[in-house]
Amino acid sequence: MLRSELVAKLQEEMAPLKAAEIEHAVDVVLDEISVALAQGGRVELRGFGAFSVRKREARTGRNPRTGAAVKVSAKKVPFFKPGKELRLKVNGGEEP
């Protein structure tokens, strides 16, 4: 699903609101999640999941084309852990 598809779906559900208002609301939510993660925080949406930041250590990788060793520096990456309700929904109501 694209951001535009999400806005369109929300506009169907919330008919009196304009598309611009809904798009602004979606932007605010996503921006706040991004800001919280950039500050090293954690965002938990009960029933959906939790966003957090994980650290990846520096390592030696390989160039897939040449096979040459390449240094990959340490970095932080966003991480999402789905909540129980989301896992159940994705797996058809059964716990994997």
PDB file of N, CA and C in Angstrom:
ATOM      1  N   MET A   1       0.843  -1.180   0.000  1.00  0.00           N
ATOM      2  CA  MET A   1       0.000   0.000   0.000  1.00  0.00           C
ATOM      3  C   MET A   1       0.882   1.235   0.000  1.00  0.00           C
ATOM      4  N   LEU A   2       0.558   2.148  -0.856  1.00  0.00           N
ATOM      5  CA  LEU A   2       1.273   3.415  -0.945  1.00  0.00           C
ATOM      6  C   LEU A   2       0.626   4.446  -0.027  1.00  0.00           C
ATOM      7  N   ARG A   3       1.368   5.508   0.251  1.00  0.00           N
ATOM      8  CA  ARG A   3       0.836   6.583   1.087  1.00  0.00           C
ATOM      9  C   ARG A   3      -0.459   7.140   0.472  1.00  0.00           C
ATOM     10  N   SER A   4      -0.467   7.318  -0.839  1.00  0.00           N
ATOM     11  CA  SER A   4      -1.650   7.859  -1.519  1.00  0.00           C
ATOM     12  C   SER A   4      -2.840   6.910  -1.388  1.00  0.00           C
ATOM     13  N   GLU A   5      -2.590   5.601  -1.413  1.00  0.00           N
ATOM     14  CA  GLU A   5      -3.669   4.625  -1.249  1.00  0.00           C
ATOM     15  C   GLU A   5      -4.219   4.670   0.179  1.00  0.00           C
ATOM     16  N   LEU A   6      -3.329   4.868   1.145  1.00  0.00           N
ATOM     17  CA  LEU A   6      -3.764   4.997   2.538  1.00  0.00           C
ATOM     18  C   LEU A   6      -4.640   6.231   2.710  1.00  0.00           C
ATOM     19  N   VAL A   7      -4.223   7.348   2.126  1.00  0.00           N
ATOM     20  CA  VAL A   7      -5.010   8.579   2.199  1.00  0.00           C
ATOM     21  C   VAL A   7      -6.373   8.372   1.551  1.00  0.00           C
ATOM     22  N   ALA A   8      -6.412   7.719   0.396  1.00  0.00           N
ATOM     23  CA  ALA A   8      -7.680   7.467  -0.294  1.00  0.00           C
ATOM     24  C   ALA A   8      -8.600   6.588   0.554  1.00  0.00           C
ATOM     25  N   LYS A   9      -8.054   5.558   1.176  1.00  0.00           N
ATOM     26  CA  LYS A   9      -8.852   4.662   2.020  1.00  0.00           C
ATOM     27  C   LYS A   9      -9.400   5.418   3.233  1.00  0.00           C
ATOM     28  N   LEU A  10      -8.569   6.240   3.855  1.00  0.00           N
ATOM     29  CA  LEU A  10      -9.028   7.024   5.001  1.00  0.00           C
ATOM     30  C   LEU A  10     -10.094   8.032   4.578  1.00  0.00           C
ATOM     31  N   GLN A  11      -9.966   8.582   3.388  1.00  0.00           N
ATOM     32  CA  GLN A  11     -10.962   9.536   2.903  1.00  0.00           C
ATOM     33  C   GLN A  11     -12.314   8.846   2.704  1.00  0.00           C
ATOM     34  N   GLU A  12     -12.304   7.598   2.254  1.00  0.00           N
ATOM     35  CA  GLU A  12     -13.545   6.831   2.126  1.00  0.00           C
ATOM     36  C   GLU A  12     -14.198   6.626   3.489  1.00  0.00           C
ATOM     37  N   GLU A  13     -13.378   6.299   4.477  1.00  0.00           N
ATOM     38  CA  GLU A  13     -13.879   6.015   5.821  1.00  0.00           C
ATOM     39  C   GLU A  13     -14.335   7.276   6.557  1.00  0.00           C
ATOM     40  N   MET A  14     -13.714   8.395   6.254  1.00  0.00           N
ATOM     41  CA  MET A  14     -13.984   9.650   6.964  1.00  0.00           C
ATOM     42  C   MET A  14     -14.474  10.693   5.957  1.00  0.00           C
ATOM     43  N   ALA A  15     -15.608  10.397   5.332  1.00  0.00           N
ATOM     44  CA  ALA A  15     -16.125  11.171   4.196  1.00  0.00           C
ATOM     45  C   ALA A  15     -16.166  12.690   4.376  1.00  0.00           C
ATOM     46  N   PRO A  16     -16.562  13.243   5.511  1.00  0.00           N
ATOM     47  CA  PRO A  16     -16.646  14.707   5.551  1.00  0.00           C
ATOM     48  C   PRO A  16     -15.289  15.419   5.505  1.00  0.00           C
ATOM     49  N   LEU A  17     -14.220  14.721   5.814  1.00  0.00           N
ATOM     50  CA  LEU A  17     -12.894  15.358   5.790  1.00  0.00           C
ATOM     51  C   LEU A  17     -12.359  15.427   4.367  1.00  0.00           C
ATOM     52  N   LYS A  18     -11.609  16.468   4.091  1.00  0.00           N
ATOM     53  CA  LYS A  18     -11.009  16.644   2.767  1.00  0.00           C
ATOM     54  C   LYS A  18      -9.727  15.825   2.670  1.00  0.00           C
ATOM     55  N   ALA A  19      -9.348  15.492   1.453  1.00  0.00           N
ATOM     56  CA  ALA A  19      -8.139  14.698   1.222  1.00  0.00           C
ATOM     57  C   ALA A  19      -6.909  15.408   1.773  1.00  0.00           C
ATOM     58  N   ALA A  20      -6.843  16.724   1.649  1.00  0.00           N
ATOM     59  CA  ALA A  20      -5.694  17.485   2.148  1.00  0.00           C
ATOM     60  C   ALA A  20      -5.571  17.373   3.658  1.00  0.00           C
ATOM     61  N   GLU A  21      -6.703  17.375   4.366  1.00  0.00           N
ATOM     62  CA  GLU A  21      -6.688  17.251   5.830  1.00  0.00           C
ATOM     63  C   GLU A  21      -6.207  15.866   6.243  1.00  0.00           C
ATOM     64  N   ILE A  22      -6.687  14.854   5.556  1.00  0.00           N
ATOM     65  CA  ILE A  22      -6.284  13.479   5.866  1.00  0.00           C
ATOM     66  C   ILE A  22      -4.807  13.281   5.546  1.00  0.00           C
ATOM     67  N   GLU A  23      -4.363  13.803   4.419  1.00  0.00           N
ATOM     68  CA  GLU A  23      -2.950  13.692   4.048  1.00  0.00           C
ATOM     69  C   GLU A  23      -2.063  14.376   5.077  1.00  0.00           C
ATOM     70  N   HIS A  24      -2.504  15.522   5.582  1.00  0.00           N
ATOM     71  CA  HIS A  24      -1.751  16.220   6.619  1.00  0.00           C
ATOM     72  C   HIS A  24      -1.665  15.373   7.892  1.00  0.00           C
ATOM     73  N   ALA A  25      -2.773  14.745   8.277  1.00  0.00           N
ATOM     74  CA  ALA A  25      -2.787  13.894   9.467  1.00  0.00           C
ATOM     75  C   ALA A  25      -1.829  12.711   9.310  1.00  0.00           C
ATOM     76  N   VAL A  26      -1.828  12.081   8.141  1.00  0.00           N
ATOM     77  CA  VAL A  26      -0.921  10.960   7.879  1.00  0.00           C
ATOM     78  C   VAL A  26       0.531  11.444   7.947  1.00  0.00           C
ATOM     79  N   ASP A  27       0.807  12.602   7.351  1.00  0.00           N
ATOM     80  CA  ASP A  27       2.162  13.171   7.389  1.00  0.00           C
ATOM     81  C   ASP A  27       2.623  13.433   8.815  1.00  0.00           C
ATOM     82  N   VAL A  28       1.731  13.982   9.650  1.00  0.00           N
ATOM     83  CA  VAL A  28       2.085  14.278  11.040  1.00  0.00           C
ATOM     84  C   VAL A  28       2.423  12.991  11.785  1.00  0.00           C
ATOM     85  N   VAL A  29       1.613  11.965  11.615  1.00  0.00           N
ATOM     86  CA  VAL A  29       1.865  10.695  12.309  1.00  0.00           C
ATOM     87  C   VAL A  29       3.212  10.109  11.892  1.00  0.00           C
ATOM     88  N   LEU A  30       3.464  10.054  10.592  1.00  0.00           N
ATOM     89  CA  LEU A  30       4.720   9.474  10.106  1.00  0.00           C
ATOM     90  C   LEU A  30       5.927  10.328  10.509  1.00  0.00           C
ATOM     91  N   ASP A  31       5.769  11.648  10.478  1.00  0.00           N
ATOM     92  CA  ASP A  31       6.861  12.534  10.898  1.00  0.00           C
ATOM     93  C   ASP A  31       7.184  12.354  12.374  1.00  0.00           C
ATOM     94  N   GLU A  32       6.163  12.221  13.204  1.00  0.00           N
ATOM     95  CA  GLU A  32       6.398  12.048  14.643  1.00  0.00           C
ATOM     96  C   GLU A  32       7.084  10.714  14.937  1.00  0.00           C
ATOM     97  N   ILE A  33       6.718   9.669  14.207  1.00  0.00           N
ATOM     98  CA  ILE A  33       7.408   8.388  14.364  1.00  0.00           C
ATOM     99  C   ILE A  33       8.872   8.544  13.973  1.00  0.00           C
ATOM    100  N   SER A  34       9.128   9.233  12.857  1.00  0.00           N
ATOM    101  CA  SER A  34      10.501   9.446  12.385  1.00  0.00           C
ATOM    102  C   SER A  34      11.320  10.250  13.384  1.00  0.00           C
ATOM    103  N   VAL A  35      10.735  11.305  13.936  1.00  0.00           N
ATOM    104  CA  VAL A  35      11.446  12.152  14.905  1.00  0.00           C
ATOM    105  C   VAL A  35      11.782  11.354  16.155  1.00  0.00           C
ATOM    106  N   ALA A  36      10.821  10.583  16.644  1.00  0.00           N
ATOM    107  CA  ALA A  36      11.067   9.785  17.851  1.00  0.00           C
ATOM    108  C   ALA A  36      12.199   8.785  17.617  1.00  0.00           C
ATOM    109  N   LEU A  37      12.230   8.145  16.457  1.00  0.00           N
ATOM    110  CA  LEU A  37      13.289   7.180  16.159  1.00  0.00           C
ATOM    111  C   LEU A  37      14.625   7.880  15.972  1.00  0.00           C
ATOM    112  N   ALA A  38      14.626   9.045  15.351  1.00  0.00           N
ATOM    113  CA  ALA A  38      15.871   9.791  15.148  1.00  0.00           C
ATOM    114  C   ALA A  38      16.482  10.209  16.478  1.00  0.00           C
ATOM    115  N   GLN A  39      15.650  10.416  17.495  1.00  0.00           N
ATOM    116  CA  GLN A  39      16.128  10.782  18.823  1.00  0.00           C
ATOM    117  C   GLN A  39      16.478   9.554  19.654  1.00  0.00           C
ATOM    118  N   GLY A  40      16.407   8.380  19.041  1.00  0.00           N
ATOM    119  CA  GLY A  40      16.759   7.140  19.734  1.00  0.00           C
ATOM    120  C   GLY A  40      15.627   6.553  20.547  1.00  0.00           C
ATOM    121  N   GLY A  41      14.430   7.070  20.365  1.00  0.00           N
ATOM    122  CA  GLY A  41      13.278   6.594  21.130  1.00  0.00           C
ATOM    123  C   GLY A  41      12.635   5.359  20.533  1.00  0.00           C
ATOM    124  N   ARG A  42      11.502   5.011  21.105  1.00  0.00           N
ATOM    125  CA  ARG A  42      10.741   3.842  20.696  1.00  0.00           C
ATOM    126  C   ARG A  42       9.295   4.278  20.540  1.00  0.00           C
ATOM    127  N   VAL A  43       8.615   3.785  19.532  1.00  0.00           N
ATOM    128  CA  VAL A  43       7.213   4.113  19.302  1.00  0.00           C
ATOM    129  C   VAL A  43       6.417   2.816  19.349  1.00  0.00           C
ATOM    130  N   GLU A  44       5.477   2.739  20.281  1.00  0.00           N
ATOM    131  CA  GLU A  44       4.675   1.529  20.426  1.00  0.00           C
ATOM    132  C   GLU A  44       3.222   1.854  20.124  1.00  0.00           C
ATOM    133  N   LEU A  45       2.660   1.138  19.171  1.00  0.00           N
ATOM    134  CA  LEU A  45       1.254   1.269  18.813  1.00  0.00           C
ATOM    135  C   LEU A  45       0.577  -0.033  19.221  1.00  0.00           C
ATOM    136  N   ARG A  46      -0.119  -0.012  20.348  1.00  0.00           N
ATOM    137  CA  ARG A  46      -0.737  -1.229  20.895  1.00  0.00           C
ATOM    138  C   ARG A  46      -1.621  -1.904  19.865  1.00  0.00           C
ATOM    139  N   GLY A  47      -1.475  -3.197  19.738  1.00  0.00           N
ATOM    140  CA  GLY A  47      -2.254  -3.965  18.786  1.00  0.00           C
ATOM    141  C   GLY A  47      -1.649  -3.982  17.394  1.00  0.00           C
ATOM    142  N   PHE A  48      -0.674  -3.121  17.139  1.00  0.00           N
ATOM    143  CA  PHE A  48      -0.046  -3.062  15.816  1.00  0.00           C
ATOM    144  C   PHE A  48       1.402  -3.504  15.892  1.00  0.00           C
ATOM    145  N   GLY A  49       2.214  -2.814  16.717  1.00  0.00           N
ATOM    146  CA  GLY A  49       3.606  -3.185  16.843  1.00  0.00           C
ATOM    147  C   GLY A  49       4.433  -2.052  17.423  1.00  0.00           C
ATOM    148  N   ALA A  50       5.739  -2.257  17.437  1.00  0.00           N
ATOM    149  CA  ALA A  50       6.653  -1.277  18.020  1.00  0.00           C
ATOM    150  C   ALA A  50       7.800  -0.991  17.056  1.00  0.00           C
ATOM    151  N   PHE A  51       8.088   0.291  16.895  1.00  0.00           N
ATOM    152  CA  PHE A  51       9.218   0.740  16.097  1.00  0.00           C
ATOM    153  C   PHE A  51      10.345   1.093  17.056  1.00  0.00           C
ATOM    154  N   SER A  52      11.569   0.704  16.713  1.00  0.00           N
ATOM    155  CA  SER A  52      12.725   1.046  17.525  1.00  0.00           C
ATOM    156  C   SER A  52      13.934   1.181  16.603  1.00  0.00           C
ATOM    157  N   VAL A  53      15.073   1.525  17.210  1.00  0.00           N
ATOM    158  CA  VAL A  53      16.314   1.682  16.452  1.00  0.00           C
ATOM    159  C   VAL A  53      17.302   0.639  16.958  1.00  0.00           C
ATOM    160  N   ARG A  54      17.942  -0.039  16.041  1.00  0.00           N
ATOM    161  CA  ARG A  54      18.979  -1.010  16.398  1.00  0.00           C
ATOM    162  C   ARG A  54      20.307  -0.576  15.813  1.00  0.00           C
ATOM    163  N   LYS A  55      21.380  -0.910  16.532  1.00  0.00           N
ATOM    164  CA  LYS A  55      22.723  -0.586  16.059  1.00  0.00           C
ATOM    165  C   LYS A  55      23.310  -1.776  15.319  1.00  0.00           C
ATOM    166  N   ARG A  56      23.926  -1.502  14.185  1.00  0.00           N
ATOM    167  CA  ARG A  56      24.661  -2.540  13.457  1.00  0.00           C
ATOM    168  C   ARG A  56      26.134  -2.211  13.546  1.00  0.00           C
ATOM    169  N   GLU A  57      26.911  -3.172  13.935  1.00  0.00           N
ATOM    170  CA  GLU A  57      28.351  -2.989  14.073  1.00  0.00           C
ATOM    171  C   GLU A  57      29.012  -2.906  12.703  1.00  0.00           C
ATOM    172  N   ALA A  58      30.211  -2.328  12.688  1.00  0.00           N
ATOM    173  CA  ALA A  58      31.001  -2.296  11.452  1.00  0.00           C
ATOM    174  C   ALA A  58      31.380  -3.727  11.083  1.00  0.00           C
ATOM    175  N   ARG A  59      31.481  -3.964   9.783  1.00  0.00           N
ATOM    176  CA  ARG A  59      31.814  -5.319   9.335  1.00  0.00           C
ATOM    177  C   ARG A  59      32.493  -5.242   7.976  1.00  0.00           C
ATOM    178  N   THR A  60      32.991  -6.371   7.543  1.00  0.00           N
ATOM    179  CA  THR A  60      33.557  -6.472   6.207  1.00  0.00           C
ATOM    180  C   THR A  60      32.547  -7.189   5.332  1.00  0.00           C
ATOM    181  N   GLY A  61      32.131  -6.510   4.257  1.00  0.00           N
ATOM    182  CA  GLY A  61      31.184  -7.096   3.324  1.00  0.00           C
ATOM    183  C   GLY A  61      31.881  -7.471   2.032  1.00  0.00           C
ATOM    184  N   ARG A  62      31.120  -7.926   1.075  1.00  0.00           N
ATOM    185  CA  ARG A  62      31.657  -8.313  -0.232  1.00  0.00           C
ATOM    186  C   ARG A  62      30.888  -7.595  -1.329  1.00  0.00           C
ATOM    187  N   ASN A  63      31.621  -7.119  -2.320  1.00  0.00           N
ATOM    188  CA  ASN A  63      30.991  -6.559  -3.510  1.00  0.00           C
ATOM    189  C   ASN A  63      30.450  -7.750  -4.301  1.00  0.00           C
ATOM    190  N   PRO A  64      29.127  -7.812  -4.535  1.00  0.00           N
ATOM    191  CA  PRO A  64      28.577  -8.999  -5.207  1.00  0.00           C
ATOM    192  C   PRO A  64      29.054  -9.160  -6.650  1.00  0.00           C
ATOM    193  N   ARG A  65      29.428  -8.074  -7.281  1.00  0.00           N
ATOM    194  CA  ARG A  65      29.857  -8.156  -8.679  1.00  0.00           C
ATOM    195  C   ARG A  65      31.300  -8.647  -8.788  1.00  0.00           C
ATOM    196  N   THR A  66      32.204  -8.085  -7.940  1.00  0.00           N
ATOM    197  CA  THR A  66      33.623  -8.418  -8.068  1.00  0.00           C
ATOM    198  C   THR A  66      34.115  -9.396  -7.008  1.00  0.00           C
ATOM    199  N   GLY A  67      33.380  -9.497  -5.894  1.00  0.00           N
ATOM    200  CA  GLY A  67      33.824 -10.366  -4.810  1.00  0.00           C
ATOM    201  C   GLY A  67      34.856  -9.706  -3.912  1.00  0.00           C
ATOM    202  N   ALA A  68      35.202  -8.448  -4.192  1.00  0.00           N
ATOM    203  CA  ALA A  68      36.205  -7.737  -3.393  1.00  0.00           C
ATOM    204  C   ALA A  68      35.645  -7.393  -2.016  1.00  0.00           C
ATOM    205  N   ALA A  69      36.520  -7.411  -1.006  1.00  0.00           N
ATOM    206  CA  ALA A  69      36.132  -7.055   0.354  1.00  0.00           C
ATOM    207  C   ALA A  69      35.862  -5.554   0.430  1.00  0.00           C
ATOM    208  N   VAL A  70      34.794  -5.192   1.142  1.00  0.00           N
ATOM    209  CA  VAL A  70      34.410  -3.794   1.299  1.00  0.00           C
ATOM    210  C   VAL A  70      34.123  -3.550   2.774  1.00  0.00           C
ATOM    211  N   LYS A  71      34.642  -2.443   3.331  1.00  0.00           N
ATOM    212  CA  LYS A  71      34.350  -2.098   4.710  1.00  0.00           C
ATOM    213  C   LYS A  71      32.977  -1.448   4.781  1.00  0.00           C
ATOM    214  N   VAL A  72      32.136  -1.957   5.669  1.00  0.00           N
ATOM    215  CA  VAL A  72      30.817  -1.387   5.907  1.00  0.00           C
ATOM    216  C   VAL A  72      30.848  -0.793   7.302  1.00  0.00           C
ATOM    217  N   SER A  73      30.611   0.510   7.399  1.00  0.00           N
ATOM    218  CA  SER A  73      30.716   1.187   8.696  1.00  0.00           C
ATOM    219  C   SER A  73      29.516   0.871   9.588  1.00  0.00           C
ATOM    220  N   ALA A  74      29.694   1.146  10.874  1.00  0.00           N
ATOM    221  CA  ALA A  74      28.612   0.952  11.834  1.00  0.00           C
ATOM    222  C   ALA A  74      27.499   1.941  11.529  1.00  0.00           C
ATOM    223  N   LYS A  75      26.263   1.532  11.820  1.00  0.00           N
ATOM    224  CA  LYS A  75      25.127   2.409  11.554  1.00  0.00           C
ATOM    225  C   LYS A  75      23.949   2.008  12.421  1.00  0.00           C
ATOM    226  N   LYS A  76      22.959   2.879  12.443  1.00  0.00           N
ATOM    227  CA  LYS A  76      21.704   2.601  13.132  1.00  0.00           C
ATOM    228  C   LYS A  76      20.642   2.349  12.070  1.00  0.00           C
ATOM    229  N   VAL A  77      19.780   1.381  12.330  1.00  0.00           N
ATOM    230  CA  VAL A  77      18.719   1.057  11.379  1.00  0.00           C
ATOM    231  C   VAL A  77      17.375   0.976  12.115  1.00  0.00           C
ATOM    232  N   PRO A  78      16.292   1.396  11.448  1.00  0.00           N
ATOM    233  CA  PRO A  78      14.978   1.257  12.073  1.00  0.00           C
ATOM    234  C   PRO A  78      14.565  -0.215  12.101  1.00  0.00           C
ATOM    235  N   PHE A  79      13.818  -0.583  13.131  1.00  0.00           N
ATOM    236  CA  PHE A  79      13.388  -1.960  13.314  1.00  0.00           C
ATOM    237  C   PHE A  79      11.915  -1.950  13.721  1.00  0.00           C
ATOM    238  N   PHE A  80      11.138  -2.895  13.198  1.00  0.00           N
ATOM    239  CA  PHE A  80       9.728  -3.012  13.548  1.00  0.00           C
ATOM    240  C   PHE A  80       9.455  -4.399  14.084  1.00  0.00           C
ATOM    241  N   LYS A  81       8.812  -4.456  15.249  1.00  0.00           N
ATOM    242  CA  LYS A  81       8.397  -5.735  15.817  1.00  0.00           C
ATOM    243  C   LYS A  81       6.875  -5.741  15.860  1.00  0.00           C
ATOM    244  N   PRO A  82       6.242  -6.624  15.095  1.00  0.00           N
ATOM    245  CA  PRO A  82       4.776  -6.641  15.060  1.00  0.00           C
ATOM    246  C   PRO A  82       4.181  -7.081  16.398  1.00  0.00           C
ATOM    247  N   GLY A  83       3.014  -6.522  16.721  1.00  0.00           N
ATOM    248  CA  GLY A  83       2.277  -6.916  17.913  1.00  0.00           C
ATOM    249  C   GLY A  83       1.544  -8.223  17.689  1.00  0.00           C
ATOM    250  N   LYS A  84       1.041  -8.787  18.761  1.00  0.00           N
ATOM    251  CA  LYS A  84       0.368 -10.086  18.690  1.00  0.00           C
ATOM    252  C   LYS A  84      -0.847 -10.043  17.771  1.00  0.00           C
ATOM    253  N   GLU A  85      -1.665  -8.991  17.859  1.00  0.00           N
ATOM    254  CA  GLU A  85      -2.864  -8.899  17.030  1.00  0.00           C
ATOM    255  C   GLU A  85      -2.508  -8.851  15.547  1.00  0.00           C
ATOM    256  N   LEU A  86      -1.463  -8.112  15.189  1.00  0.00           N
ATOM    257  CA  LEU A  86      -1.033  -8.027  13.794  1.00  0.00           C
ATOM    258  C   LEU A  86      -0.501  -9.376  13.310  1.00  0.00           C
ATOM    259  N   ARG A  87       0.302 -10.042  14.136  1.00  0.00           N
ATOM    260  CA  ARG A  87       0.816 -11.370  13.765  1.00  0.00           C
ATOM    261  C   ARG A  87      -0.322 -12.343  13.516  1.00  0.00           C
ATOM    262  N   LEU A  88      -1.332 -12.323  14.397  1.00  0.00           N
ATOM    263  CA  LEU A  88      -2.473 -13.230  14.234  1.00  0.00           C
ATOM    264  C   LEU A  88      -3.236 -12.927  12.949  1.00  0.00           C
ATOM    265  N   LYS A  89      -3.429 -11.654  12.664  1.00  0.00           N
ATOM    266  CA  LYS A  89      -4.164 -11.269  11.458  1.00  0.00           C
ATOM    267  C   LYS A  89      -3.418 -11.703  10.201  1.00  0.00           C
ATOM    268  N   VAL A  90      -2.114 -11.516  10.186  1.00  0.00           N
ATOM    269  CA  VAL A  90      -1.297 -11.881   9.021  1.00  0.00           C
ATOM    270  C   VAL A  90      -1.283 -13.398   8.833  1.00  0.00           C
ATOM    271  N   ASN A  91      -1.303 -14.136   9.925  1.00  0.00           N
ATOM    272  CA  ASN A  91      -1.231 -15.600   9.857  1.00  0.00           C
ATOM    273  C   ASN A  91      -2.599 -16.268   9.878  1.00  0.00           C
ATOM    274  N   GLY A  92      -3.649 -15.541   9.572  1.00  0.00           N
ATOM    275  CA  GLY A  92      -4.974 -16.135   9.503  1.00  0.00           C
ATOM    276  C   GLY A  92      -5.553 -16.565  10.816  1.00  0.00           C
ATOM    277  N   GLY A  93      -5.179 -15.897  11.906  1.00  0.00           N
ATOM    278  CA  GLY A  93      -5.732 -16.201  13.212  1.00  0.00           C
ATOM    279  C   GLY A  93      -4.990 -17.263  13.986  1.00  0.00           C
ATOM    280  N   GLU A  94      -3.901 -17.782  13.434  1.00  0.00           N
ATOM    281  CA  GLU A  94      -3.133 -18.818  14.126  1.00  0.00           C
ATOM    282  C   GLU A  94      -1.765 -18.278  14.508  1.00  0.00           C
ATOM    283  N   GLU A  95      -1.340 -18.603  15.714  1.00  0.00           N
ATOM    284  CA  GLU A  95      -0.008 -18.205  16.177  1.00  0.00           C
ATOM    285  C   GLU A  95       1.020 -19.113  15.504  1.00  0.00           C
ATOM    286  N   PRO A  96       2.031 -18.518  14.853  1.00  0.00           N
ATOM    287  CA  PRO A  96       3.041 -19.360  14.157  1.00  0.00           C
ATOM    288  C   PRO A  96       3.891 -20.148  15.116  1.00  0.00           C
TER     289      PRO A  96
END
